Amino acid sequence: MNKQGLYRSRTGMIFGVCKGLGESMDMNVTAIRLIAIVAMVATGFVPGILVYLGAAMIMKPEP
């Protein structure tokens, strides 16, 4: 685990949520993005997108 905590990456693709989560958990960012896409498809897009946007608003940008 990253000692800094959970932050949005400033160099991420859309809002940096997946990259920040991957860096925080020492996981492959591509795997996190694939899991997010599968979750969005499985929930019918709208709930998954709302969760992603909520995470983007709650998570602070990395220092």
PDB file of N, CA and C in Angstrom:
ATOM      1  N   MET A   1       0.835  -1.191   0.000  1.00  0.00           N
ATOM      2  CA  MET A   1       0.000   0.000   0.000  1.00  0.00           C
ATOM      3  C   MET A   1       0.876   1.248   0.000  1.00  0.00           C
ATOM      4  N   ASN A   2       0.380   2.249  -0.659  1.00  0.00           N
ATOM      5  CA  ASN A   2       1.043   3.538  -0.717  1.00  0.00           C
ATOM      6  C   ASN A   2       0.902   4.233   0.630  1.00  0.00           C
ATOM      7  N   LYS A   3       1.966   4.770   1.144  1.00  0.00           N
ATOM      8  CA  LYS A   3       1.936   5.422   2.451  1.00  0.00           C
ATOM      9  C   LYS A   3       1.218   6.769   2.428  1.00  0.00           C
ATOM     10  N   GLN A   4       1.091   7.390   1.251  1.00  0.00           N
ATOM     11  CA  GLN A   4       0.477   8.708   1.153  1.00  0.00           C
ATOM     12  C   GLN A   4      -1.029   8.660   1.328  1.00  0.00           C
ATOM     13  N   GLY A   5      -1.654   7.560   1.039  1.00  0.00           N
ATOM     14  CA  GLY A   5      -3.098   7.483   1.075  1.00  0.00           C
ATOM     15  C   GLY A   5      -3.661   7.386  -0.326  1.00  0.00           C
ATOM     16  N   LEU A   6      -4.953   7.584  -0.437  1.00  0.00           N
ATOM     17  CA  LEU A   6      -5.636   7.440  -1.712  1.00  0.00           C
ATOM     18  C   LEU A   6      -5.832   8.807  -2.342  1.00  0.00           C
ATOM     19  N   TYR A   7      -5.243   8.997  -3.510  1.00  0.00           N
ATOM     20  CA  TYR A   7      -5.335  10.253  -4.239  1.00  0.00           C
ATOM     21  C   TYR A   7      -5.645   9.976  -5.700  1.00  0.00           C
ATOM     22  N   ARG A   8      -6.280  10.943  -6.384  1.00  0.00           N
ATOM     23  CA  ARG A   8      -6.441  10.881  -7.831  1.00  0.00           C
ATOM     24  C   ARG A   8      -5.105  11.241  -8.465  1.00  0.00           C
ATOM     25  N   SER A   9      -4.755  10.518  -9.500  1.00  0.00           N
ATOM     26  CA  SER A   9      -3.520  10.826 -10.218  1.00  0.00           C
ATOM     27  C   SER A   9      -3.731  12.033 -11.121  1.00  0.00           C
ATOM     28  N   ARG A  10      -2.737  12.873 -11.195  1.00  0.00           N
ATOM     29  CA  ARG A  10      -2.819  14.042 -12.080  1.00  0.00           C
ATOM     30  C   ARG A  10      -2.545  13.667 -13.536  1.00  0.00           C
ATOM     31  N   THR A  11      -2.019  12.469 -13.766  1.00  0.00           N
ATOM     32  CA  THR A  11      -1.689  12.037 -15.126  1.00  0.00           C
ATOM     33  C   THR A  11      -2.586  10.901 -15.596  1.00  0.00           C
ATOM     34  N   GLY A  12      -3.745  10.750 -14.995  1.00  0.00           N
ATOM     35  CA  GLY A  12      -4.664   9.683 -15.370  1.00  0.00           C
ATOM     36  C   GLY A  12      -5.392   9.995 -16.669  1.00  0.00           C
ATOM     37  N   MET A  13      -6.137   9.013 -17.173  1.00  0.00           N
ATOM     38  CA  MET A  13      -6.807   9.172 -18.461  1.00  0.00           C
ATOM     39  C   MET A  13      -7.990  10.140 -18.391  1.00  0.00           C
ATOM     40  N   ILE A  14      -8.929   9.907 -17.485  1.00  0.00           N
ATOM     41  CA  ILE A  14     -10.113  10.772 -17.436  1.00  0.00           C
ATOM     42  C   ILE A  14     -10.022  11.676 -16.213  1.00  0.00           C
ATOM     43  N   PHE A  15     -10.216  11.148 -15.040  1.00  0.00           N
ATOM     44  CA  PHE A  15     -10.060  11.946 -13.818  1.00  0.00           C
ATOM     45  C   PHE A  15      -8.919  11.424 -12.946  1.00  0.00           C
ATOM     46  N   GLY A  16      -8.275  10.347 -13.337  1.00  0.00           N
ATOM     47  CA  GLY A  16      -7.159   9.801 -12.583  1.00  0.00           C
ATOM     48  C   GLY A  16      -7.566   8.891 -11.445  1.00  0.00           C
ATOM     49  N   VAL A  17      -8.841   8.497 -11.392  1.00  0.00           N
ATOM     50  CA  VAL A  17      -9.328   7.660 -10.295  1.00  0.00           C
ATOM     51  C   VAL A  17      -8.695   6.272 -10.355  1.00  0.00           C
ATOM     52  N   CYS A  18      -8.750   5.624 -11.505  1.00  0.00           N
ATOM     53  CA  CYS A  18      -8.212   4.265 -11.632  1.00  0.00           C
ATOM     54  C   CYS A  18      -6.698   4.232 -11.419  1.00  0.00           C
ATOM     55  N   LYS A  19      -5.999   5.210 -11.965  1.00  0.00           N
ATOM     56  CA  LYS A  19      -4.543   5.247 -11.801  1.00  0.00           C
ATOM     57  C   LYS A  19      -4.172   5.510 -10.341  1.00  0.00           C
ATOM     58  N   GLY A  20      -4.891   6.413  -9.689  1.00  0.00           N
ATOM     59  CA  GLY A  20      -4.632   6.677  -8.280  1.00  0.00           C
ATOM     60  C   GLY A  20      -4.916   5.463  -7.421  1.00  0.00           C
ATOM     61  N   LEU A  21      -6.000   4.753  -7.728  1.00  0.00           N
ATOM     62  CA  LEU A  21      -6.337   3.535  -6.993  1.00  0.00           C
ATOM     63  C   LEU A  21      -5.286   2.460  -7.222  1.00  0.00           C
ATOM     64  N   GLY A  22      -4.853   2.313  -8.468  1.00  0.00           N
ATOM     65  CA  GLY A  22      -3.822   1.322  -8.784  1.00  0.00           C
ATOM     66  C   GLY A  22      -2.500   1.615  -8.105  1.00  0.00           C
ATOM     67  N   GLU A  23      -2.096   2.878  -8.096  1.00  0.00           N
ATOM     68  CA  GLU A  23      -0.845   3.251  -7.429  1.00  0.00           C
ATOM     69  C   GLU A  23      -0.957   3.059  -5.923  1.00  0.00           C
ATOM     70  N   SER A  24      -2.094   3.362  -5.366  1.00  0.00           N
ATOM     71  CA  SER A  24      -2.294   3.226  -3.930  1.00  0.00           C
ATOM     72  C   SER A  24      -2.248   1.765  -3.481  1.00  0.00           C
ATOM     73  N   MET A  25      -2.806   0.879  -4.324  1.00  0.00           N
ATOM     74  CA  MET A  25      -2.882  -0.540  -3.970  1.00  0.00           C
ATOM     75  C   MET A  25      -1.756  -1.367  -4.591  1.00  0.00           C
ATOM     76  N   ASP A  26      -0.806  -0.719  -5.255  1.00  0.00           N
ATOM     77  CA  ASP A  26       0.295  -1.410  -5.943  1.00  0.00           C
ATOM     78  C   ASP A  26      -0.228  -2.473  -6.910  1.00  0.00           C
ATOM     79  N   MET A  27      -1.225  -2.067  -7.706  1.00  0.00           N
ATOM     80  CA  MET A  27      -1.804  -2.964  -8.705  1.00  0.00           C
ATOM     81  C   MET A  27      -1.599  -2.373 -10.093  1.00  0.00           C
ATOM     82  N   ASN A  28      -1.730  -3.224 -11.101  1.00  0.00           N
ATOM     83  CA  ASN A  28      -1.617  -2.803 -12.485  1.00  0.00           C
ATOM     84  C   ASN A  28      -2.805  -1.897 -12.821  1.00  0.00           C
ATOM     85  N   VAL A  29      -2.534  -0.731 -13.358  1.00  0.00           N
ATOM     86  CA  VAL A  29      -3.580   0.240 -13.673  1.00  0.00           C
ATOM     87  C   VAL A  29      -4.508  -0.297 -14.752  1.00  0.00           C
ATOM     88  N   THR A  30      -3.978  -1.033 -15.705  1.00  0.00           N
ATOM     89  CA  THR A  30      -4.807  -1.605 -16.768  1.00  0.00           C
ATOM     90  C   THR A  30      -5.833  -2.568 -16.188  1.00  0.00           C
ATOM     91  N   ALA A  31      -5.435  -3.372 -15.218  1.00  0.00           N
ATOM     92  CA  ALA A  31      -6.363  -4.305 -14.580  1.00  0.00           C
ATOM     93  C   ALA A  31      -7.473  -3.550 -13.853  1.00  0.00           C
ATOM     94  N   ILE A  32      -7.132  -2.474 -13.173  1.00  0.00           N
ATOM     95  CA  ILE A  32      -8.132  -1.659 -12.471  1.00  0.00           C
ATOM     96  C   ILE A  32      -9.112  -1.065 -13.487  1.00  0.00           C
ATOM     97  N   ARG A  33      -8.594  -0.569 -14.602  1.00  0.00           N
ATOM     98  CA  ARG A  33      -9.460   0.026 -15.627  1.00  0.00           C
ATOM     99  C   ARG A  33     -10.395  -1.021 -16.239  1.00  0.00           C
ATOM    100  N   LEU A  34      -9.879  -2.223 -16.488  1.00  0.00           N
ATOM    101  CA  LEU A  34     -10.726  -3.288 -17.024  1.00  0.00           C
ATOM    102  C   LEU A  34     -11.818  -3.677 -16.040  1.00  0.00           C
ATOM    103  N   ILE A  35     -11.480  -3.761 -14.766  1.00  0.00           N
ATOM    104  CA  ILE A  35     -12.479  -4.065 -13.734  1.00  0.00           C
ATOM    105  C   ILE A  35     -13.543  -2.975 -13.694  1.00  0.00           C
ATOM    106  N   ALA A  36     -13.134  -1.727 -13.815  1.00  0.00           N
ATOM    107  CA  ALA A  36     -14.086  -0.611 -13.803  1.00  0.00           C
ATOM    108  C   ALA A  36     -15.008  -0.679 -15.016  1.00  0.00           C
ATOM    109  N   ILE A  37     -14.469  -1.005 -16.178  1.00  0.00           N
ATOM    110  CA  ILE A  37     -15.289  -1.095 -17.391  1.00  0.00           C
ATOM    111  C   ILE A  37     -16.278  -2.254 -17.282  1.00  0.00           C
ATOM    112  N   VAL A  38     -15.818  -3.400 -16.806  1.00  0.00           N
ATOM    113  CA  VAL A  38     -16.711  -4.550 -16.633  1.00  0.00           C
ATOM    114  C   VAL A  38     -17.810  -4.226 -15.632  1.00  0.00           C
ATOM    115  N   ALA A  39     -17.461  -3.538 -14.558  1.00  0.00           N
ATOM    116  CA  ALA A  39     -18.471  -3.154 -13.555  1.00  0.00           C
ATOM    117  C   ALA A  39     -19.495  -2.196 -14.149  1.00  0.00           C
ATOM    118  N   MET A  40     -19.043  -1.274 -14.978  1.00  0.00           N
ATOM    119  CA  MET A  40     -19.972  -0.332 -15.614  1.00  0.00           C
ATOM    120  C   MET A  40     -20.909  -1.042 -16.580  1.00  0.00           C
ATOM    121  N   VAL A  41     -20.382  -1.982 -17.349  1.00  0.00           N
ATOM    122  CA  VAL A  41     -21.220  -2.729 -18.285  1.00  0.00           C
ATOM    123  C   VAL A  41     -22.217  -3.600 -17.515  1.00  0.00           C
ATOM    124  N   ALA A  42     -21.756  -4.231 -16.448  1.00  0.00           N
ATOM    125  CA  ALA A  42     -22.615  -5.130 -15.669  1.00  0.00           C
ATOM    126  C   ALA A  42     -23.738  -4.387 -14.951  1.00  0.00           C
ATOM    127  N   THR A  43     -23.520  -3.131 -14.603  1.00  0.00           N
ATOM    128  CA  THR A  43     -24.551  -2.379 -13.880  1.00  0.00           C
ATOM    129  C   THR A  43     -25.395  -1.513 -14.802  1.00  0.00           C
ATOM    130  N   GLY A  44     -25.165  -1.574 -16.080  1.00  0.00           N
ATOM    131  CA  GLY A  44     -25.946  -0.774 -17.013  1.00  0.00           C
ATOM    132  C   GLY A  44     -25.415   0.633 -17.174  1.00  0.00           C
ATOM    133  N   PHE A  45     -24.147   0.830 -16.979  1.00  0.00           N
ATOM    134  CA  PHE A  45     -23.415   2.084 -17.186  1.00  0.00           C
ATOM    135  C   PHE A  45     -23.743   3.195 -16.188  1.00  0.00           C
ATOM    136  N   VAL A  46     -24.992   3.557 -16.017  1.00  0.00           N
ATOM    137  CA  VAL A  46     -25.325   4.731 -15.199  1.00  0.00           C
ATOM    138  C   VAL A  46     -24.848   4.592 -13.751  1.00  0.00           C
ATOM    139  N   PRO A  47     -25.146   3.496 -13.026  1.00  0.00           N
ATOM    140  CA  PRO A  47     -24.640   3.397 -11.651  1.00  0.00           C
ATOM    141  C   PRO A  47     -23.112   3.400 -11.579  1.00  0.00           C
ATOM    142  N   GLY A  48     -22.468   2.700 -12.505  1.00  0.00           N
ATOM    143  CA  GLY A  48     -21.009   2.660 -12.509  1.00  0.00           C
ATOM    144  C   GLY A  48     -20.399   4.023 -12.774  1.00  0.00           C
ATOM    145  N   ILE A  49     -20.995   4.759 -13.694  1.00  0.00           N
ATOM    146  CA  ILE A  49     -20.502   6.098 -14.008  1.00  0.00           C
ATOM    147  C   ILE A  49     -20.707   7.032 -12.822  1.00  0.00           C
ATOM    148  N   LEU A  50     -21.853   6.908 -12.145  1.00  0.00           N
ATOM    149  CA  LEU A  50     -22.111   7.745 -10.972  1.00  0.00           C
ATOM    150  C   LEU A  50     -21.124   7.453  -9.845  1.00  0.00           C
ATOM    151  N   VAL A  51     -20.794   6.178  -9.644  1.00  0.00           N
ATOM    152  CA  VAL A  51     -19.802   5.819  -8.622  1.00  0.00           C
ATOM    153  C   VAL A  51     -18.436   6.383  -8.994  1.00  0.00           C
ATOM    154  N   TYR A  52     -18.066   6.274 -10.271  1.00  0.00           N
ATOM    155  CA  TYR A  52     -16.778   6.802 -10.738  1.00  0.00           C
ATOM    156  C   TYR A  52     -16.707   8.316 -10.539  1.00  0.00           C
ATOM    157  N   LEU A  53     -17.765   9.022 -10.931  1.00  0.00           N
ATOM    158  CA  LEU A  53     -17.785  10.477 -10.761  1.00  0.00           C
ATOM    159  C   LEU A  53     -17.787  10.862  -9.283  1.00  0.00           C
ATOM    160  N   GLY A  54     -18.487  10.091  -8.466  1.00  0.00           N
ATOM    161  CA  GLY A  54     -18.474  10.340  -7.025  1.00  0.00           C
ATOM    162  C   GLY A  54     -17.077  10.166  -6.447  1.00  0.00           C
ATOM    163  N   ALA A  55     -16.383   9.120  -6.891  1.00  0.00           N
ATOM    164  CA  ALA A  55     -15.011   8.907  -6.432  1.00  0.00           C
ATOM    165  C   ALA A  55     -14.104  10.041  -6.893  1.00  0.00           C
ATOM    166  N   ALA A  56     -14.320  10.533  -8.106  1.00  0.00           N
ATOM    167  CA  ALA A  56     -13.509  11.639  -8.628  1.00  0.00           C
ATOM    168  C   ALA A  56     -13.724  12.903  -7.802  1.00  0.00           C
ATOM    169  N   MET A  57     -14.940  13.105  -7.308  1.00  0.00           N
ATOM    170  CA  MET A  57     -15.211  14.297  -6.490  1.00  0.00           C
ATOM    171  C   MET A  57     -14.690  14.158  -5.068  1.00  0.00           C
ATOM    172  N   ILE A  58     -14.721  12.947  -4.541  1.00  0.00           N
ATOM    173  CA  ILE A  58     -14.299  12.731  -3.148  1.00  0.00           C
ATOM    174  C   ILE A  58     -12.789  12.657  -3.008  1.00  0.00           C
ATOM    175  N   MET A  59     -12.126  11.982  -3.941  1.00  0.00           N
ATOM    176  CA  MET A  59     -10.676  11.798  -3.852  1.00  0.00           C
ATOM    177  C   MET A  59      -9.953  13.101  -4.138  1.00  0.00           C
ATOM    178  N   LYS A  60      -8.966  13.419  -3.328  1.00  0.00           N
ATOM    179  CA  LYS A  60      -8.160  14.620  -3.536  1.00  0.00           C
ATOM    180  C   LYS A  60      -7.109  14.343  -4.609  1.00  0.00           C
ATOM    181  N   PRO A  61      -6.731  15.369  -5.394  1.00  0.00           N
ATOM    182  CA  PRO A  61      -5.638  15.173  -6.360  1.00  0.00           C
ATOM    183  C   PRO A  61      -4.325  14.919  -5.615  1.00  0.00           C
ATOM    184  N   GLU A  62      -3.439  14.167  -6.230  1.00  0.00           N
ATOM    185  CA  GLU A  62      -2.168  13.874  -5.569  1.00  0.00           C
ATOM    186  C   GLU A  62      -1.382  15.159  -5.365  1.00  0.00           C
ATOM    187  N   PRO A  63      -0.646  15.209  -4.272  1.00  0.00           N
ATOM    188  CA  PRO A  63       0.123  16.439  -3.979  1.00  0.00           C
ATOM    189  C   PRO A  63       1.273  16.651  -4.950  1.00  0.00           C
TER     190      PRO A  63
END
